Each structure stands twice: as C-alpha cells, then as structure tokens.
Amino acid sequence: MGQDTYCVMGASVPVAFTLENWPIFRDLLFNSSLDETELSMLLITDFPSDGCHNLTYHIGEAFRDFDSPDKPITPDEFQACVASLEADIRKYKWLPEKKELLGMELQIMVEITYCHVRGLTRRDNSHIFNQETSHSPASLATKTREAYEKLTKVGIPEGRISINHYIWDSQ
C-alpha cells in the first residue's frame, strides 16, 4: 500500500482557545463558506512527542448546538463543550490527562493551495515535480487575498496573519 503525503499552504494565525475568542472559532466553523478541507484548527503539540492534530471536525461536533451569533454561549455551556471536546481528543492521545485545551493556542489556517503526492518516502529519488494543481500568479494572489479576508472578517488583525504549511502523511 502506498503512503500519501499531503501539504496545505494557507493564511494562518495562532488563537488561544478561550470563551473570549469563541466568536472567532464559531464564525469560521459555522458562519463562513469554508468547508472542512479549507479550514484547519491545529493543535501543535510537544507532548509526549512532536505533532500536529487538526481539531476542526472535533470542535464542530462539540459545539454544534452553539453556532448562533444571536445567542451567545454561556460560560457554563462553553466549559461543558470544552470538557466534551477534551474527552474526545484524549481518546486519540492528542491531549494528555494533565493538559487542558482551554487557553492553548490553536493554529487557525484557511487554505490557499493544496498538494498531494503518493509514495514520496518510498521513491529512489524523492525530488519530484508534480502539477496536480497549479495557479497563475494572479489566481494565487486572489486565493491568498480571499484567505486573508476570511480571517480578517472574523476580527483577526491582518498584521497577525502569516503564510504557513501543514504537512502530513497518511497512515
């Protein structure tokens, strides 16, 4: 079976996972036109080993009943959702029992472009050129501007946004 390597380049910003910042997470998850392939909420870990885990789906599931900007989530409701989320991601060993997600920074990323390669680490020569998706300079600039606009629309200052990559291998 071949191993697939994926890479997403996106507009990115670290945001603490707190009740005060919940409107940012909520609006990106539930009130933007982004789908799960275009939005990543990444937990960057150094416990017990280096890693990066995309929590977008898990946060959406834990908070799915609190997606309305018209009815703010209460502190008790937020805490209950966080406890449910922590229990969920602890099952995958992404968060140790002694760590709390509340207050940790998640790297929020809006996709600009994406690439995929099969069998990269199994090749005799791992230097490849693969044009699955290509952009003209103008279309890449447009995609970058659109990703920035998604983040600034939810209240993130443009000066905090950077361009990053999220890379992972299939199992």
C-alpha atoms as a PDB file:
ATOM      1  CA  MET A   1       0.000   0.000   0.000  1.00  0.00           C
ATOM      2  CA  GLY A   2       1.399   3.424  -0.949  1.00  0.00           C
ATOM      3  CA  GLN A   3       1.828   6.229   1.506  1.00  0.00           C
ATOM      4  CA  ASP A   4       0.315   9.569   0.603  1.00  0.00           C
ATOM      5  CA  THR A   5       1.858  12.886   1.632  1.00  0.00           C
ATOM      6  CA  TYR A   6      -0.329  15.986   1.723  1.00  0.00           C
ATOM      7  CA  CYS A   7       0.505  19.657   2.109  1.00  0.00           C
ATOM      8  CA  VAL A   8      -1.786  22.627   2.618  1.00  0.00           C
ATOM      9  CA  MET A   9      -0.463  26.163   2.320  1.00  0.00           C
ATOM     10  CA  GLY A  10      -2.680  28.704   3.987  1.00  0.00           C
ATOM     11  CA  ALA A  11      -3.203  32.007   5.719  1.00  0.00           C
ATOM     12  CA  SER A  12      -2.640  31.217   9.358  1.00  0.00           C
ATOM     13  CA  VAL A  13      -2.802  32.738  12.830  1.00  0.00           C
ATOM     14  CA  PRO A  14      -2.433  31.379  16.381  1.00  0.00           C
ATOM     15  CA  VAL A  15      -5.544  32.000  18.506  1.00  0.00           C
ATOM     16  CA  ALA A  16      -6.000  30.983  22.145  1.00  0.00           C
ATOM     17  CA  PHE A  17      -8.953  28.649  22.626  1.00  0.00           C
ATOM     18  CA  THR A  18     -10.953  30.687  25.149  1.00  0.00           C
ATOM     19  CA  LEU A  19     -14.517  31.829  25.695  1.00  0.00           C
ATOM     20  CA  GLU A  20     -13.486  35.344  24.662  1.00  0.00           C
ATOM     21  CA  ASN A  21     -12.179  34.014  21.348  1.00  0.00           C
ATOM     22  CA  TRP A  22     -15.103  31.633  20.776  1.00  0.00           C
ATOM     23  CA  PRO A  23     -16.773  34.058  18.290  1.00  0.00           C
ATOM     24  CA  ILE A  24     -13.726  33.711  16.000  1.00  0.00           C
ATOM     25  CA  PHE A  25     -13.845  29.909  16.099  1.00  0.00           C
ATOM     26  CA  ARG A  26     -17.676  29.872  15.804  1.00  0.00           C
ATOM     27  CA  ASP A  27     -17.797  32.229  12.838  1.00  0.00           C
ATOM     28  CA  LEU A  28     -15.115  30.322  10.939  1.00  0.00           C
ATOM     29  CA  LEU A  29     -16.712  26.941  11.704  1.00  0.00           C
ATOM     30  CA  PHE A  30     -20.379  27.744  11.278  1.00  0.00           C
ATOM     31  CA  ASN A  31     -20.824  31.143   9.632  1.00  0.00           C
ATOM     32  CA  SER A  32     -18.259  31.181   6.836  1.00  0.00           C
ATOM     33  CA  SER A  33     -18.403  29.460   3.482  1.00  0.00           C
ATOM     34  CA  LEU A  34     -15.385  27.306   4.413  1.00  0.00           C
ATOM     35  CA  ASP A  35     -15.700  23.531   4.444  1.00  0.00           C
ATOM     36  CA  GLU A  36     -13.601  21.031   6.404  1.00  0.00           C
ATOM     37  CA  THR A  37     -10.994  20.812   3.651  1.00  0.00           C
ATOM     38  CA  GLU A  38     -10.465  24.582   3.566  1.00  0.00           C
ATOM     39  CA  LEU A  39     -10.293  25.265   7.313  1.00  0.00           C
ATOM     40  CA  SER A  40      -7.860  23.771   9.802  1.00  0.00           C
ATOM     41  CA  MET A  41      -7.732  24.361  13.563  1.00  0.00           C
ATOM     42  CA  LEU A  42      -4.442  22.789  14.512  1.00  0.00           C
ATOM     43  CA  LEU A  43      -3.264  21.718  17.946  1.00  0.00           C
ATOM     44  CA  ILE A  44       0.536  21.854  17.794  1.00  0.00           C
ATOM     45  CA  THR A  45       1.965  19.516  20.418  1.00  0.00           C
ATOM     46  CA  ASP A  46       5.264  18.759  22.034  1.00  0.00           C
ATOM     47  CA  PHE A  47       3.731  16.273  24.444  1.00  0.00           C
ATOM     48  CA  PRO A  48       4.623  13.419  24.585  1.00  0.00           C
ATOM     49  CA  SER A  49       6.124  13.847  21.119  1.00  0.00           C
ATOM     50  CA  ASP A  50       6.022  16.451  18.400  1.00  0.00           C
ATOM     51  CA  GLY A  51       2.825  16.532  16.450  1.00  0.00           C
ATOM     52  CA  CYS A  52       0.054  18.486  14.871  1.00  0.00           C
ATOM     53  CA  HIS A  53      -3.596  17.496  15.078  1.00  0.00           C
ATOM     54  CA  ASN A  54      -6.463  19.029  13.137  1.00  0.00           C
ATOM     55  CA  LEU A  55      -9.308  19.645  15.616  1.00  0.00           C
ATOM     56  CA  THR A  56     -11.714  21.334  13.173  1.00  0.00           C
ATOM     57  CA  TYR A  57     -14.161  18.439  12.991  1.00  0.00           C
ATOM     58  CA  HIS A  58     -13.939  17.728  16.732  1.00  0.00           C
ATOM     59  CA  ILE A  59     -14.582  21.354  17.724  1.00  0.00           C
ATOM     60  CA  GLY A  60     -17.506  21.498  15.317  1.00  0.00           C
ATOM     61  CA  GLU A  61     -19.029  18.383  16.846  1.00  0.00           C
ATOM     62  CA  ALA A  62     -18.542  19.511  20.452  1.00  0.00           C
ATOM     63  CA  PHE A  63     -20.024  22.967  19.798  1.00  0.00           C
ATOM     64  CA  ARG A  64     -22.578  22.193  17.056  1.00  0.00           C
ATOM     65  CA  ASP A  65     -25.502  23.382  19.200  1.00  0.00           C
ATOM     66  CA  PHE A  66     -23.838  26.761  19.851  1.00  0.00           C
ATOM     67  CA  ASP A  67     -23.378  28.112  16.352  1.00  0.00           C
ATOM     68  CA  SER A  68     -25.611  31.179  16.571  1.00  0.00           C
ATOM     69  CA  PRO A  69     -24.089  34.646  16.904  1.00  0.00           C
ATOM     70  CA  ASP A  70     -27.561  35.801  18.046  1.00  0.00           C
ATOM     71  CA  LYS A  71     -27.496  33.632  21.180  1.00  0.00           C
ATOM     72  CA  PRO A  72     -24.076  33.806  22.866  1.00  0.00           C
ATOM     73  CA  ILE A  73     -22.804  30.698  24.595  1.00  0.00           C
ATOM     74  CA  THR A  74     -22.743  30.949  28.398  1.00  0.00           C
ATOM     75  CA  PRO A  75     -19.544  30.262  30.377  1.00  0.00           C
ATOM     76  CA  ASP A  76     -21.078  27.030  31.758  1.00  0.00           C
ATOM     77  CA  GLU A  77     -22.101  25.860  28.282  1.00  0.00           C
ATOM     78  CA  PHE A  78     -18.643  26.689  26.934  1.00  0.00           C
ATOM     79  CA  GLN A  79     -16.963  24.762  29.749  1.00  0.00           C
ATOM     80  CA  ALA A  80     -19.229  21.741  29.154  1.00  0.00           C
ATOM     81  CA  CYS A  81     -18.378  21.774  25.440  1.00  0.00           C
ATOM     82  CA  VAL A  82     -14.652  22.060  26.200  1.00  0.00           C
ATOM     83  CA  ALA A  83     -14.883  19.087  28.594  1.00  0.00           C
ATOM     84  CA  SER A  84     -16.607  17.035  25.870  1.00  0.00           C
ATOM     85  CA  LEU A  85     -14.002  18.115  23.310  1.00  0.00           C
ATOM     86  CA  GLU A  86     -11.109  17.262  25.651  1.00  0.00           C
ATOM     87  CA  ALA A  87     -12.572  13.814  26.345  1.00  0.00           C
ATOM     88  CA  ASP A  88     -12.900  13.239  22.594  1.00  0.00           C
ATOM     89  CA  ILE A  89      -9.337  14.211  21.694  1.00  0.00           C
ATOM     90  CA  ARG A  90      -7.886  12.380  24.707  1.00  0.00           C
ATOM     91  CA  LYS A  91      -9.227   9.159  23.176  1.00  0.00           C
ATOM     92  CA  TYR A  92      -6.751   9.720  20.346  1.00  0.00           C
ATOM     93  CA  LYS A  93      -3.965  10.557  22.842  1.00  0.00           C
ATOM     94  CA  TRP A  94      -3.676  14.054  21.352  1.00  0.00           C
ATOM     95  CA  LEU A  95      -4.044  15.700  24.768  1.00  0.00           C
ATOM     96  CA  PRO A  96      -2.559  14.224  27.955  1.00  0.00           C
ATOM     97  CA  GLU A  97      -4.740  13.999  31.075  1.00  0.00           C
ATOM     98  CA  LYS A  98      -2.674  16.690  32.818  1.00  0.00           C
ATOM     99  CA  LYS A  99      -3.073  19.244  29.991  1.00  0.00           C
ATOM    100  CA  GLU A 100      -6.092  21.448  29.384  1.00  0.00           C
ATOM    101  CA  LEU A 101      -7.150  22.682  25.984  1.00  0.00           C
ATOM    102  CA  LEU A 102      -8.657  25.835  27.441  1.00  0.00           C
ATOM    103  CA  GLY A 103      -6.218  28.687  26.871  1.00  0.00           C
ATOM    104  CA  MET A 104      -3.952  26.746  24.491  1.00  0.00           C
ATOM    105  CA  GLU A 105      -3.205  28.361  21.160  1.00  0.00           C
ATOM    106  CA  LEU A 106      -4.608  26.641  18.100  1.00  0.00           C
ATOM    107  CA  GLN A 107      -3.191  27.494  14.704  1.00  0.00           C
ATOM    108  CA  ILE A 108      -6.147  28.517  12.555  1.00  0.00           C
ATOM    109  CA  MET A 109      -5.430  28.079   8.850  1.00  0.00           C
ATOM    110  CA  VAL A 110      -7.511  28.944   5.791  1.00  0.00           C
ATOM    111  CA  GLU A 111      -6.347  27.035   2.717  1.00  0.00           C
ATOM    112  CA  ILE A 112      -4.747  28.885  -0.172  1.00  0.00           C
ATOM    113  CA  THR A 113      -3.489  25.883  -2.130  1.00  0.00           C
ATOM    114  CA  TYR A 114      -3.021  22.146  -1.667  1.00  0.00           C
ATOM    115  CA  CYS A 115      -0.774  19.400  -2.989  1.00  0.00           C
ATOM    116  CA  HIS A 116      -0.572  15.630  -2.719  1.00  0.00           C
ATOM    117  CA  VAL A 117       1.993  13.014  -3.688  1.00  0.00           C
ATOM    118  CA  ARG A 118       1.912   9.227  -3.432  1.00  0.00           C
ATOM    119  CA  GLY A 119       4.914   7.214  -2.224  1.00  0.00           C
ATOM    120  CA  LEU A 120       7.284  10.161  -1.639  1.00  0.00           C
ATOM    121  CA  THR A 121       9.350   8.376   1.007  1.00  0.00           C
ATOM    122  CA  ARG A 122       9.386   5.116  -0.955  1.00  0.00           C
ATOM    123  CA  ARG A 123      10.973   6.530  -4.099  1.00  0.00           C
ATOM    124  CA  ASP A 124      14.567   6.119  -5.175  1.00  0.00           C
ATOM    125  CA  ASN A 125      14.569   9.861  -5.860  1.00  0.00           C
ATOM    126  CA  SER A 126      12.248  11.786  -3.568  1.00  0.00           C
ATOM    127  CA  HIS A 127      12.729  15.035  -5.507  1.00  0.00           C
ATOM    128  CA  ILE A 128       9.662  15.250  -7.701  1.00  0.00           C
ATOM    129  CA  PHE A 129       7.749  17.815  -9.696  1.00  0.00           C
ATOM    130  CA  ASN A 130       4.031  17.201  -9.720  1.00  0.00           C
ATOM    131  CA  GLN A 131       1.493  19.662 -11.039  1.00  0.00           C
ATOM    132  CA  GLU A 132      -1.782  18.373  -9.631  1.00  0.00           C
ATOM    133  CA  THR A 133      -2.991  21.899  -9.016  1.00  0.00           C
ATOM    134  CA  SER A 134      -1.400  24.955 -10.469  1.00  0.00           C
ATOM    135  CA  HIS A 135      -2.185  28.632 -10.238  1.00  0.00           C
ATOM    136  CA  SER A 136      -1.327  31.639 -12.282  1.00  0.00           C
ATOM    137  CA  PRO A 137       0.311  34.392 -10.244  1.00  0.00           C
ATOM    138  CA  ALA A 138      -2.962  36.334 -10.406  1.00  0.00           C
ATOM    139  CA  SER A 139      -5.100  33.403  -9.218  1.00  0.00           C
ATOM    140  CA  LEU A 140      -2.663  32.622  -6.393  1.00  0.00           C
ATOM    141  CA  ALA A 141      -2.784  36.276  -5.319  1.00  0.00           C
ATOM    142  CA  THR A 142      -6.594  36.128  -5.402  1.00  0.00           C
ATOM    143  CA  LYS A 143      -6.695  32.915  -3.336  1.00  0.00           C
ATOM    144  CA  THR A 144      -4.285  34.467  -0.821  1.00  0.00           C
ATOM    145  CA  ARG A 145      -6.347  37.647  -0.550  1.00  0.00           C
ATOM    146  CA  GLU A 146      -9.564  35.599  -0.098  1.00  0.00           C
ATOM    147  CA  ALA A 147      -7.963  33.537   2.699  1.00  0.00           C
ATOM    148  CA  TYR A 148      -6.808  36.729   4.454  1.00  0.00           C
ATOM    149  CA  GLU A 149     -10.292  38.215   4.102  1.00  0.00           C
ATOM    150  CA  LYS A 150     -11.875  35.156   5.756  1.00  0.00           C
ATOM    151  CA  LEU A 151      -9.643  35.678   8.786  1.00  0.00           C
ATOM    152  CA  THR A 152      -9.940  39.458   8.985  1.00  0.00           C
ATOM    153  CA  LYS A 153     -13.731  39.232   8.624  1.00  0.00           C
ATOM    154  CA  VAL A 154     -13.908  37.380  11.970  1.00  0.00           C
ATOM    155  CA  GLY A 155     -11.801  40.014  13.716  1.00  0.00           C
ATOM    156  CA  ILE A 156      -8.210  38.870  13.314  1.00  0.00           C
ATOM    157  CA  PRO A 157      -5.835  41.780  12.594  1.00  0.00           C
ATOM    158  CA  GLU A 158      -4.112  41.370   9.230  1.00  0.00           C
ATOM    159  CA  GLY A 159      -0.714  42.008  10.823  1.00  0.00           C
ATOM    160  CA  ARG A 160      -1.019  38.772  12.867  1.00  0.00           C
ATOM    161  CA  ILE A 161      -1.683  36.577   9.809  1.00  0.00           C
ATOM    162  CA  SER A 162       1.156  34.685   8.142  1.00  0.00           C
ATOM    163  CA  ILE A 163       1.506  32.070   5.416  1.00  0.00           C
ATOM    164  CA  ASN A 164       2.261  28.566   6.731  1.00  0.00           C
ATOM    165  CA  HIS A 165       2.223  24.960   5.586  1.00  0.00           C
ATOM    166  CA  TYR A 166       0.520  21.960   7.169  1.00  0.00           C
ATOM    167  CA  ILE A 167       2.083  18.660   6.003  1.00  0.00           C
ATOM    168  CA  TRP A 168       1.062  15.122   6.911  1.00  0.00           C
ATOM    169  CA  ASP A 169       1.386  11.505   5.787  1.00  0.00           C
ATOM    170  CA  SER A 170      -1.420   9.009   5.512  1.00  0.00           C
ATOM    171  CA  GLN A 171      -1.437   6.058   7.856  1.00  0.00           C
END
